[in-house]
Amino acid sequence: QFDEMLKLTKDSLMSNPSELNIDQYPNIITWDGVSLPLSYEFSPGGIADGVTVTVPIGMLNRLPRYLCDWLVPGMLREKCIHLVKGLPKGLRKNLVPVPDFVDKVLEELVPADISLNYSLAKYLSQIRGVSLTEKDFYDVNLQDFFYMNIRVVDHAGKLLNQSRDLMSLLAEFKGSAVAKILSSDDSELVREGLKNWEMETIPSLWRFRQAGMEIISYPALVDCSDSVALRLFDYPIEARSAHVKGVVRMAQIKNSKDVRVLRKEILRDSQTNLLLAAVGLSRGKVLHDLIDSAVLESLSVKDEFPRNKEEFEVVLSNCRREMLKVGFRLEKILIESLRPIAEAIGKLALLTDDVYKDSRLDLSKQISGLFSEGILLGASYEWLKEYPRYGQAILVRVDRLPGNSLKERKSIASLSRLTKPLDLILGENPELLLIDSPIKDYRWMLEEFRVSLFAQNLGTRKGVSEKRLKLLWQSVVKWLTDNRV
């Protein structure tokens, strides 16, 4: 049974939607220049009860994660009142009369792609001086009516599925054939199996229509191992990082002779392979990444990666001139890095006391991170040339471990605070290191911070401290927000 207040709101939906107050019950929801249609239905218990947004499959991944929490202006007040009334009595008693406090909060709240529960808790806490958090609303049960129904359709407007749970829809259609085919709308732009630069120009964005709505996608070359594809992406950052790898792969295909030389010659001698084994690395994987990095550096791209045939031919010419020289230079850098690291690992194995447990874990994580899949490409020559110093700093740290446990604990705690948010971001988006951004700066300044903590005598590339890194992380957060990552 719906209470009287809920019924009054829902009764307003029984009328013709065209007669509703357009400010309170709009017929579209707009975000980032894209408008999606809204519809209203009064059908208690029905699948479409309340407000429904219709989303073409090609737009689903770009639907803001939290904006639907806010429903429409005509339904927001009642939802907030029900959320507050559903709080535990100990919290709710400080917010009586509930409608009055909700009205005060609504004067401050602006619908955005931020959790409604978070915003409501924040402003109620400020107004009343109580300690409320987003988690306090987790156990509040609301009718389905208070969650927007998301209707996913194909290119012709045919219903594929609908739900009030956006994340379940994203999981259902992620990587599905229907999403891939229909998001491109059979565009002549999308191609597979490319081994030559066949397109005169790859546009930076591509507009097409799906289910009667205009959709903007971002074309990019994609690395497919033995070929390259031209595909559409939902976000420009995804397209930029994919395009870097796609151009690198195309250059390898067009310069296959030098690639074969590097595969045959570098990291080949027995001493180098002993070093790789001592650090727990596979020659095959390191070789793959090292060649990718050599190609990237020898392309000598100044700003944006090429998007037309003429630009690609220019950087390919650079690659053909420089690739072998760069490849052998990177091999030398890598070997100079591996020597002190291998020695440090050997010494660390002798420190079996539990007092060194956290240090061993931290060092293991650092070394794995320096040679994780794709990291040599993401680092680029700018940071790869610093690897020998990072390796030397690891050895200095291990040599100083005995009798240095107090400083070690403090340093590890500091590093943990600074690396945790980065690990979360890169765990979901490792490709972010492929493009110049605050997050790439932060990743490598963390490595410099390690040098300053454990081997200060080796010097750092730039001044670094925990305070400076925290300020840099603020730039990272802003960049992630601006780019919707």
Protein backbone atom coordinates (compact mmCIF):
# COMPACT_ATOMS: atom_id res chain seq x y z
CA GLN A 1 0.00 0.00 0.00
CA PHE A 2 1.33 3.41 -0.98
CA ASP A 3 1.00 6.16 1.59
CA GLU A 4 -1.02 9.26 0.84
CA MET A 5 1.92 11.47 -0.10
CA LEU A 6 3.26 8.90 -2.55
CA LYS A 7 -0.20 8.48 -4.06
CA LEU A 8 -0.59 12.21 -4.59
CA THR A 9 2.63 12.30 -6.56
CA LYS A 10 1.73 9.26 -8.58
CA ASP A 11 -1.76 10.52 -9.28
CA SER A 12 -0.17 13.39 -11.14
CA LEU A 13 1.27 10.87 -13.60
CA MET A 14 -2.16 9.57 -14.55
CA SER A 15 -2.82 12.64 -16.63
CA ASN A 16 -1.52 13.11 -20.16
CA PRO A 17 2.25 13.69 -19.87
CA SER A 18 1.91 16.64 -22.23
CA GLU A 19 -0.24 18.35 -19.60
CA LEU A 20 2.35 17.93 -16.82
CA ASN A 21 4.43 20.85 -15.64
CA ILE A 22 7.40 20.57 -17.98
CA ASP A 23 9.76 22.00 -15.37
CA GLN A 24 8.75 19.39 -12.80
CA TYR A 25 8.20 16.50 -15.22
CA PRO A 26 10.46 17.12 -18.24
CA ASN A 27 10.19 14.96 -21.33
CA ILE A 28 13.98 14.65 -21.74
CA ILE A 29 17.04 14.27 -19.55
CA THR A 30 20.19 15.99 -20.86
CA TRP A 31 23.82 15.24 -20.08
CA ASP A 32 26.99 16.23 -21.93
CA GLY A 33 24.97 17.55 -24.84
CA VAL A 34 23.00 14.31 -25.30
CA SER A 35 19.23 14.26 -24.68
CA LEU A 36 17.39 11.06 -23.81
CA PRO A 37 13.57 10.77 -23.74
CA LEU A 38 11.64 10.35 -20.49
CA SER A 39 8.20 8.80 -20.14
CA TYR A 40 5.82 8.46 -17.17
CA GLU A 41 3.42 5.71 -16.16
CA PHE A 42 1.12 5.09 -13.22
CA SER A 43 1.03 1.31 -12.79
CA PRO A 44 1.71 0.31 -9.16
CA GLY A 45 3.85 -2.84 -9.19
CA GLY A 46 4.35 -2.57 -12.95
CA ILE A 47 7.77 -2.80 -14.54
CA ALA A 48 7.57 0.77 -15.88
CA ASP A 49 5.88 2.34 -12.87
CA GLY A 50 7.07 5.93 -12.40
CA VAL A 51 9.61 7.51 -14.76
CA THR A 52 11.48 5.71 -17.55
CA VAL A 53 14.49 6.84 -19.56
CA THR A 54 15.02 5.24 -22.99
CA VAL A 55 18.65 4.61 -23.90
CA PRO A 56 20.03 3.30 -27.21
CA ILE A 57 22.44 0.42 -26.66
CA GLY A 58 25.29 2.50 -28.09
CA MET A 59 24.72 5.11 -25.36
CA LEU A 60 24.32 2.80 -22.38
CA ASN A 61 27.93 2.92 -21.20
CA ARG A 62 27.84 6.72 -21.32
CA LEU A 63 24.75 7.05 -19.15
CA PRO A 64 25.85 8.86 -15.96
CA ARG A 65 26.15 6.40 -13.09
CA TYR A 66 24.29 8.52 -10.51
CA LEU A 67 22.19 11.07 -12.38
CA CYS A 68 19.17 8.75 -12.52
CA ASP A 69 19.14 8.67 -8.68
CA TRP A 70 17.74 12.21 -8.82
CA LEU A 71 14.67 11.22 -10.89
CA VAL A 72 12.94 14.44 -12.03
CA PRO A 73 12.24 17.63 -10.01
CA GLY A 74 8.59 16.70 -9.44
CA MET A 75 9.55 13.42 -7.73
CA LEU A 76 12.78 14.38 -5.95
CA ARG A 77 11.22 15.93 -2.82
CA GLU A 78 9.12 12.86 -2.04
CA LYS A 79 12.09 10.54 -2.58
CA CYS A 80 14.24 12.57 -0.16
CA ILE A 81 11.45 12.60 2.46
CA HIS A 82 11.12 8.82 2.26
CA LEU A 83 14.88 8.37 2.53
CA VAL A 84 15.04 10.48 5.70
CA LYS A 85 11.94 8.83 7.23
CA GLY A 86 13.57 5.45 6.66
CA LEU A 87 16.61 6.31 8.80
CA PRO A 88 17.05 4.64 12.20
CA LYS A 89 15.12 6.43 14.93
CA GLY A 90 18.29 7.66 16.63
CA LEU A 91 19.20 9.63 13.52
CA ARG A 92 15.68 10.50 12.35
CA LYS A 93 14.67 12.19 15.62
CA ASN A 94 17.15 14.98 14.92
CA LEU A 95 15.47 15.76 11.60
CA VAL A 96 11.84 16.40 12.59
CA PRO A 97 9.74 17.67 10.92
CA VAL A 98 11.29 15.79 8.01
CA PRO A 99 9.65 17.76 5.16
CA ASP A 100 10.99 21.05 6.54
CA PHE A 101 14.57 19.78 6.66
CA VAL A 102 14.26 18.25 3.19
CA ASP A 103 12.99 21.58 1.82
CA LYS A 104 16.04 23.35 3.28
CA VAL A 105 18.35 20.78 1.71
CA LEU A 106 16.66 21.07 -1.68
CA GLU A 107 17.54 24.75 -1.73
CA GLU A 108 21.19 23.67 -1.92
CA LEU A 109 21.06 20.44 -3.92
CA VAL A 110 21.67 20.50 -7.66
CA PRO A 111 21.11 17.25 -9.59
CA ALA A 112 24.46 15.94 -10.84
CA ASP A 113 26.30 12.71 -11.49
CA ILE A 114 26.87 12.31 -7.74
CA SER A 115 25.11 9.90 -5.41
CA LEU A 116 21.88 11.44 -4.09
CA ASN A 117 22.40 9.64 -0.78
CA TYR A 118 25.85 11.20 -0.44
CA SER A 119 24.58 14.71 -1.21
CA LEU A 120 21.58 14.36 1.08
CA ALA A 121 23.73 13.16 3.99
CA LYS A 122 26.28 15.92 3.43
CA TYR A 123 23.80 18.81 3.45
CA LEU A 124 21.61 17.44 6.24
CA SER A 125 24.74 17.14 8.39
CA GLN A 126 25.65 20.74 7.65
CA ILE A 127 22.18 22.10 8.35
CA ARG A 128 21.44 20.14 11.52
CA GLY A 129 24.93 19.44 12.82
CA VAL A 130 24.31 15.68 12.93
CA SER A 131 26.79 13.11 11.69
CA LEU A 132 25.19 11.46 8.64
CA THR A 133 26.93 9.47 5.92
CA GLU A 134 25.84 7.91 2.65
CA LYS A 135 25.95 4.48 4.33
CA ASP A 136 23.16 5.49 6.74
CA PHE A 137 20.71 5.32 3.82
CA TYR A 138 21.81 1.87 2.59
CA ASP A 139 19.16 -0.02 4.60
CA VAL A 140 16.29 2.32 3.70
CA ASN A 141 13.75 0.42 1.59
CA LEU A 142 12.03 2.43 -1.13
CA GLN A 143 9.32 1.47 -3.60
CA ASP A 144 10.52 0.76 -7.15
CA PHE A 145 8.73 3.96 -8.11
CA PHE A 146 11.58 5.92 -6.53
CA TYR A 147 14.18 4.44 -8.89
CA MET A 148 14.28 5.41 -12.55
CA ASN A 149 13.49 2.61 -14.97
CA ILE A 150 16.16 2.29 -17.68
CA ARG A 151 14.88 1.02 -21.00
CA VAL A 152 17.61 -0.19 -23.40
CA VAL A 153 16.72 -0.31 -27.11
CA ASP A 154 18.48 -1.32 -30.31
CA HIS A 155 19.11 0.85 -33.38
CA ALA A 156 15.49 0.46 -34.52
CA GLY A 157 14.02 1.25 -31.09
CA LYS A 158 13.25 -2.39 -30.22
CA LEU A 159 13.38 -3.15 -26.49
CA LEU A 160 16.40 -5.23 -25.48
CA ASN A 161 15.89 -5.13 -21.72
CA GLN A 162 14.88 -2.78 -18.91
CA SER A 163 15.82 -2.51 -15.27
CA ARG A 164 16.15 -0.03 -12.42
CA ASP A 165 19.70 -1.29 -11.82
CA LEU A 166 22.10 0.43 -14.23
CA MET A 167 25.10 -1.67 -13.18
CA SER A 168 23.29 -4.93 -13.98
CA LEU A 169 22.44 -3.61 -17.45
CA LEU A 170 26.04 -2.54 -18.02
CA ALA A 171 27.25 -6.00 -16.97
CA GLU A 172 24.67 -7.69 -19.21
CA PHE A 173 25.63 -5.83 -22.37
CA LYS A 174 29.35 -5.34 -21.76
CA GLY A 175 31.27 -6.78 -24.69
CA SER A 176 28.14 -8.30 -26.20
CA ALA A 177 27.85 -8.66 -29.95
CA VAL A 178 24.67 -6.59 -30.04
CA ALA A 179 26.39 -3.68 -28.30
CA LYS A 180 29.40 -3.78 -30.62
CA ILE A 181 27.42 -4.04 -33.84
CA LEU A 182 24.67 -1.61 -33.04
CA SER A 183 26.86 1.01 -31.42
CA SER A 184 28.57 1.47 -34.76
CA ASP A 185 25.27 1.52 -36.64
CA ASP A 186 26.90 -0.46 -39.45
CA SER A 187 29.17 2.55 -39.98
CA GLU A 188 31.48 2.45 -42.98
CA LEU A 189 34.13 3.84 -40.66
CA VAL A 190 34.53 0.66 -38.59
CA ARG A 191 37.06 -1.80 -40.02
CA GLU A 192 38.89 -4.94 -38.95
CA GLY A 193 42.05 -6.74 -40.04
CA LEU A 194 43.98 -3.68 -41.22
CA LYS A 195 47.64 -4.09 -42.16
CA ASN A 196 47.94 -0.84 -44.08
CA TRP A 197 46.80 2.71 -43.36
CA GLU A 198 43.80 2.54 -45.71
CA MET A 199 41.92 5.60 -44.45
CA GLU A 200 42.87 9.05 -45.63
CA THR A 201 41.83 10.57 -42.28
CA ILE A 202 40.45 9.15 -39.03
CA PRO A 203 38.08 11.78 -37.58
CA SER A 204 38.43 12.65 -33.91
CA LEU A 205 34.69 12.12 -33.40
CA TRP A 206 31.93 10.39 -35.34
CA ARG A 207 28.22 11.16 -35.26
CA PHE A 208 25.52 8.66 -36.16
CA ARG A 209 21.89 8.04 -35.29
CA GLN A 210 20.51 5.18 -33.26
CA ALA A 211 16.86 4.70 -32.28
CA GLY A 212 16.20 8.19 -33.64
CA MET A 213 18.85 9.85 -31.46
CA GLU A 214 22.21 11.30 -32.41
CA ILE A 215 25.17 9.55 -30.81
CA ILE A 216 28.74 10.80 -30.70
CA SER A 217 31.55 8.24 -30.65
CA TYR A 218 35.32 8.54 -30.81
CA PRO A 219 37.19 6.57 -33.50
CA ALA A 220 40.62 5.09 -32.86
CA LEU A 221 42.99 2.43 -34.13
CA VAL A 222 43.11 -0.69 -31.96
CA ASP A 223 45.97 -3.15 -31.53
CA CYS A 224 44.81 -6.65 -32.54
CA SER A 225 48.22 -8.36 -32.28
CA ASP A 226 48.78 -9.30 -35.92
CA SER A 227 46.59 -6.54 -37.36
CA VAL A 228 44.88 -3.28 -36.49
CA ALA A 229 41.19 -2.40 -36.28
CA LEU A 230 39.38 0.91 -36.51
CA ARG A 231 36.65 1.03 -33.87
CA LEU A 232 34.41 3.49 -32.06
CA PHE A 233 34.75 4.30 -28.37
CA ASP A 234 32.35 5.82 -25.89
CA TYR A 235 34.84 8.24 -24.38
CA PRO A 236 37.69 10.32 -25.86
CA ILE A 237 40.18 9.16 -23.20
CA GLU A 238 39.53 5.50 -24.10
CA ALA A 239 40.01 6.35 -27.76
CA ARG A 240 43.26 8.25 -27.15
CA SER A 241 44.90 5.43 -25.18
CA ALA A 242 43.74 2.76 -27.65
CA HIS A 243 45.00 4.87 -30.57
CA VAL A 244 48.51 5.01 -29.11
CA LYS A 245 48.70 1.20 -29.08
CA GLY A 246 47.02 0.98 -32.48
CA VAL A 247 49.55 3.31 -34.12
CA VAL A 248 52.44 1.44 -32.44
CA ARG A 249 51.11 -1.86 -33.80
CA MET A 250 50.63 -0.44 -37.31
CA ALA A 251 54.23 0.86 -37.25
CA GLN A 252 55.47 -2.60 -36.23
CA ILE A 253 53.57 -4.21 -39.08
CA LYS A 254 55.03 -1.73 -41.57
CA ASN A 255 58.55 -2.10 -40.10
CA SER A 256 58.48 -5.84 -39.51
CA LYS A 257 62.10 -6.36 -40.64
CA ASP A 258 63.55 -4.33 -37.77
CA VAL A 259 61.08 -5.91 -35.35
CA ARG A 260 62.47 -9.34 -36.30
CA VAL A 261 66.01 -8.12 -35.73
CA LEU A 262 65.18 -6.92 -32.21
CA ARG A 263 63.36 -10.15 -31.38
CA LYS A 264 66.40 -12.12 -32.44
CA GLU A 265 69.13 -9.97 -30.92
CA ILE A 266 68.08 -8.27 -27.69
CA LEU A 267 67.84 -9.92 -24.26
CA ARG A 268 69.42 -12.98 -25.82
CA ASP A 269 72.71 -13.68 -23.96
CA SER A 270 72.81 -16.10 -21.03
CA GLN A 271 73.87 -13.48 -18.47
CA THR A 272 70.83 -11.32 -19.26
CA ASN A 273 68.54 -14.31 -19.04
CA LEU A 274 69.97 -15.18 -15.63
CA LEU A 275 69.19 -11.63 -14.49
CA LEU A 276 65.63 -11.93 -15.82
CA ALA A 277 65.18 -15.23 -14.02
CA ALA A 278 66.57 -13.80 -10.78
CA VAL A 279 63.98 -11.01 -10.88
CA GLY A 280 61.23 -13.48 -11.83
CA LEU A 281 60.66 -12.14 -15.34
CA SER A 282 59.87 -13.91 -18.60
CA ARG A 283 62.06 -12.94 -21.55
CA GLY A 284 59.11 -13.23 -23.93
CA LYS A 285 56.92 -10.76 -22.06
CA VAL A 286 59.70 -8.27 -21.37
CA LEU A 287 60.85 -8.49 -24.99
CA HIS A 288 57.32 -7.77 -26.23
CA ASP A 289 57.02 -4.69 -24.04
CA LEU A 290 60.54 -3.50 -24.82
CA ILE A 291 59.90 -3.62 -28.57
CA ASP A 292 56.61 -1.75 -28.13
CA SER A 293 58.47 0.91 -26.17
CA ALA A 294 61.24 1.11 -28.81
CA VAL A 295 58.65 1.66 -31.53
CA LEU A 296 56.88 4.33 -29.49
CA GLU A 297 60.10 6.24 -28.82
CA SER A 298 61.35 5.97 -32.41
CA LEU A 299 58.07 7.31 -33.83
CA SER A 300 59.05 10.66 -32.27
CA VAL A 301 55.46 11.82 -31.93
CA LYS A 302 55.49 15.42 -30.72
CA ASP A 303 51.87 16.07 -29.75
CA GLU A 304 48.87 14.07 -30.95
CA PHE A 305 49.29 10.64 -32.54
CA PRO A 306 48.69 10.67 -36.31
CA ARG A 307 45.13 10.52 -37.57
CA ASN A 308 45.77 10.77 -41.29
CA LYS A 309 47.91 8.85 -43.77
CA GLU A 310 50.39 11.66 -44.42
CA GLU A 311 51.11 12.17 -40.71
CA PHE A 312 51.55 8.43 -40.21
CA GLU A 313 54.06 8.20 -43.08
CA VAL A 314 56.14 10.95 -41.44
CA VAL A 315 56.38 9.19 -38.05
CA LEU A 316 56.86 5.81 -39.74
CA SER A 317 59.89 7.25 -41.54
CA ASN A 318 61.28 8.31 -38.14
CA CYS A 319 60.64 4.82 -36.81
CA ARG A 320 62.53 3.15 -39.65
CA ARG A 321 65.56 5.37 -39.05
CA GLU A 322 65.69 5.10 -35.26
CA MET A 323 64.03 1.88 -34.12
CA LEU A 324 67.07 -0.43 -33.95
CA LYS A 325 69.22 2.18 -32.23
CA VAL A 326 66.46 2.90 -29.68
CA GLY A 327 65.81 -0.80 -29.11
CA PHE A 328 69.44 -1.57 -28.22
CA ARG A 329 69.60 1.55 -26.02
CA LEU A 330 66.53 0.39 -24.09
CA GLU A 331 68.04 -3.08 -23.71
CA LYS A 332 71.10 -1.52 -22.08
CA ILE A 333 68.92 0.54 -19.72
CA LEU A 334 66.94 -2.55 -18.74
CA ILE A 335 70.06 -4.61 -18.00
CA GLU A 336 71.51 -1.77 -15.90
CA SER A 337 68.25 -1.83 -13.93
CA LEU A 338 68.12 -5.58 -13.47
CA ARG A 339 71.60 -5.97 -12.01
CA PRO A 340 71.02 -4.08 -8.72
CA ILE A 341 67.49 -5.44 -8.41
CA ALA A 342 68.70 -9.05 -8.78
CA GLU A 343 71.38 -8.40 -6.18
CA ALA A 344 68.82 -6.83 -3.84
CA ILE A 345 66.48 -9.81 -4.20
CA GLY A 346 69.32 -12.16 -3.29
CA LYS A 347 70.19 -10.18 -0.17
CA LEU A 348 66.52 -9.82 0.79
CA ALA A 349 66.10 -13.60 0.71
CA LEU A 350 68.61 -13.84 3.56
CA LEU A 351 66.55 -11.51 5.78
CA THR A 352 64.03 -14.08 6.97
CA ASP A 353 63.09 -12.44 10.28
CA ASP A 354 59.41 -11.44 10.54
CA VAL A 355 60.47 -7.87 11.25
CA TYR A 356 61.21 -7.56 7.51
CA LYS A 357 57.89 -9.01 6.37
CA ASP A 358 56.26 -5.70 5.40
CA SER A 359 59.43 -4.52 3.68
CA ARG A 360 59.60 -7.71 1.61
CA LEU A 361 55.97 -7.29 0.56
CA ASP A 362 56.45 -3.64 -0.36
CA LEU A 363 59.63 -4.31 -2.35
CA SER A 364 57.98 -7.21 -4.14
CA LYS A 365 55.07 -4.96 -5.12
CA GLN A 366 57.44 -2.23 -6.32
CA ILE A 367 59.50 -4.58 -8.48
CA SER A 368 56.39 -6.20 -9.96
CA GLY A 369 55.04 -2.75 -10.74
CA LEU A 370 58.22 -1.71 -12.55
CA PHE A 371 57.91 -4.68 -14.91
CA SER A 372 54.17 -5.32 -15.08
CA GLU A 373 52.61 -6.01 -18.48
CA GLY A 374 52.53 -2.89 -20.64
CA ILE A 375 54.35 -0.68 -18.13
CA LEU A 376 57.43 -0.19 -20.32
CA LEU A 377 55.20 1.23 -23.04
CA GLY A 378 53.31 3.34 -20.52
CA ALA A 379 56.50 4.68 -18.97
CA SER A 380 57.95 5.80 -22.32
CA TYR A 381 61.63 6.71 -22.65
CA GLU A 382 61.13 9.76 -20.42
CA TRP A 383 60.82 7.52 -17.36
CA LEU A 384 62.51 4.34 -18.59
CA LYS A 385 65.87 6.11 -18.55
CA GLU A 386 65.38 6.52 -14.77
CA TYR A 387 65.06 2.75 -14.22
CA PRO A 388 68.76 2.14 -13.38
CA ARG A 389 68.50 4.69 -10.56
CA TYR A 390 65.30 3.04 -9.30
CA GLY A 391 67.10 -0.32 -9.32
CA GLN A 392 70.05 1.13 -7.44
CA ALA A 393 67.68 2.69 -4.88
CA ILE A 394 66.14 -0.73 -4.24
CA LEU A 395 69.59 -2.18 -3.52
CA VAL A 396 70.49 0.72 -1.19
CA ARG A 397 67.23 0.18 0.69
CA VAL A 398 67.88 -3.53 1.21
CA ASP A 399 71.44 -2.85 2.39
CA ARG A 400 70.10 -0.41 4.98
CA LEU A 401 67.24 -2.59 6.21
CA PRO A 402 68.99 -4.10 9.26
CA GLY A 403 68.57 -1.75 12.20
CA ASN A 404 66.27 0.56 10.21
CA SER A 405 62.91 -0.99 11.04
CA LEU A 406 61.26 2.08 12.61
CA LYS A 407 61.91 4.31 9.60
CA GLU A 408 60.86 1.46 7.30
CA ARG A 409 57.46 1.14 9.02
CA LYS A 410 56.81 4.88 8.78
CA SER A 411 57.86 5.00 5.13
CA ILE A 412 55.73 1.97 4.19
CA ALA A 413 52.70 3.51 5.91
CA SER A 414 53.24 6.74 3.99
CA LEU A 415 53.59 4.87 0.70
CA SER A 416 50.46 2.85 1.38
CA ARG A 417 48.38 6.00 1.85
CA LEU A 418 49.68 7.45 -1.39
CA THR A 419 49.54 4.34 -3.60
CA LYS A 420 46.14 2.95 -2.61
CA PRO A 421 43.99 5.42 -4.61
CA LEU A 422 46.30 5.06 -7.63
CA ASP A 423 46.07 1.26 -7.50
CA LEU A 424 42.26 1.48 -7.52
CA ILE A 425 42.23 3.70 -10.60
CA LEU A 426 44.86 1.79 -12.58
CA GLY A 427 43.32 -1.54 -11.58
CA GLU A 428 40.29 -0.59 -13.68
CA ASN A 429 42.03 1.65 -16.24
CA PRO A 430 45.68 0.59 -16.74
CA GLU A 431 45.68 2.23 -20.17
CA LEU A 432 45.60 5.68 -18.55
CA LEU A 433 49.39 5.55 -18.29
CA LEU A 434 49.62 5.64 -22.09
CA ILE A 435 48.66 9.31 -22.32
CA ASP A 436 50.20 12.38 -20.77
CA SER A 437 48.12 13.34 -17.76
CA PRO A 438 48.40 14.09 -14.03
CA ILE A 439 47.86 10.41 -13.29
CA LYS A 440 50.99 9.46 -15.29
CA ASP A 441 52.96 12.15 -13.47
CA TYR A 442 51.68 10.85 -10.12
CA ARG A 443 52.64 7.25 -10.93
CA TRP A 444 56.27 8.12 -11.63
CA MET A 445 56.62 10.76 -8.94
CA LEU A 446 55.70 7.98 -6.50
CA GLU A 447 58.79 6.15 -7.76
CA GLU A 448 60.83 9.30 -7.13
CA PHE A 449 59.31 9.50 -3.65
CA ARG A 450 60.63 6.00 -2.94
CA VAL A 451 64.12 7.17 -3.87
CA SER A 452 63.79 10.14 -1.51
CA LEU A 453 62.68 7.84 1.33
CA PHE A 454 65.19 5.01 0.98
CA ALA A 455 68.15 6.30 -1.07
CA GLN A 456 68.18 10.05 -0.80
CA ASN A 457 71.86 10.16 -1.71
CA LEU A 458 70.93 9.11 -5.28
CA GLY A 459 68.88 12.27 -5.78
CA THR A 460 65.45 12.71 -7.39
CA ARG A 461 64.46 14.02 -10.78
CA LYS A 462 62.20 16.64 -9.18
CA GLY A 463 61.49 17.80 -5.68
CA VAL A 464 59.04 15.37 -4.08
CA SER A 465 57.34 14.91 -0.71
CA GLU A 466 54.16 13.46 0.71
CA LYS A 467 52.60 16.94 0.76
CA ARG A 468 53.47 17.57 -2.89
CA LEU A 469 52.07 14.20 -3.90
CA LYS A 470 48.80 14.90 -2.11
CA LEU A 471 48.52 18.19 -4.01
CA LEU A 472 49.27 16.36 -7.27
CA TRP A 473 46.56 13.83 -6.44
CA GLN A 474 44.04 16.69 -6.29
CA SER A 475 44.98 17.43 -9.90
CA VAL A 476 44.49 13.74 -10.70
CA VAL A 477 40.99 13.75 -9.20
CA LYS A 478 40.05 16.87 -11.17
CA TRP A 479 41.42 15.35 -14.37
CA LEU A 480 39.52 12.10 -13.80
CA THR A 481 36.30 14.05 -13.15
CA ASP A 482 36.75 16.33 -16.17
CA ASN A 483 37.37 13.31 -18.40
CA ARG A 484 34.62 11.18 -16.82
CA VAL A 485 36.98 8.32 -15.91
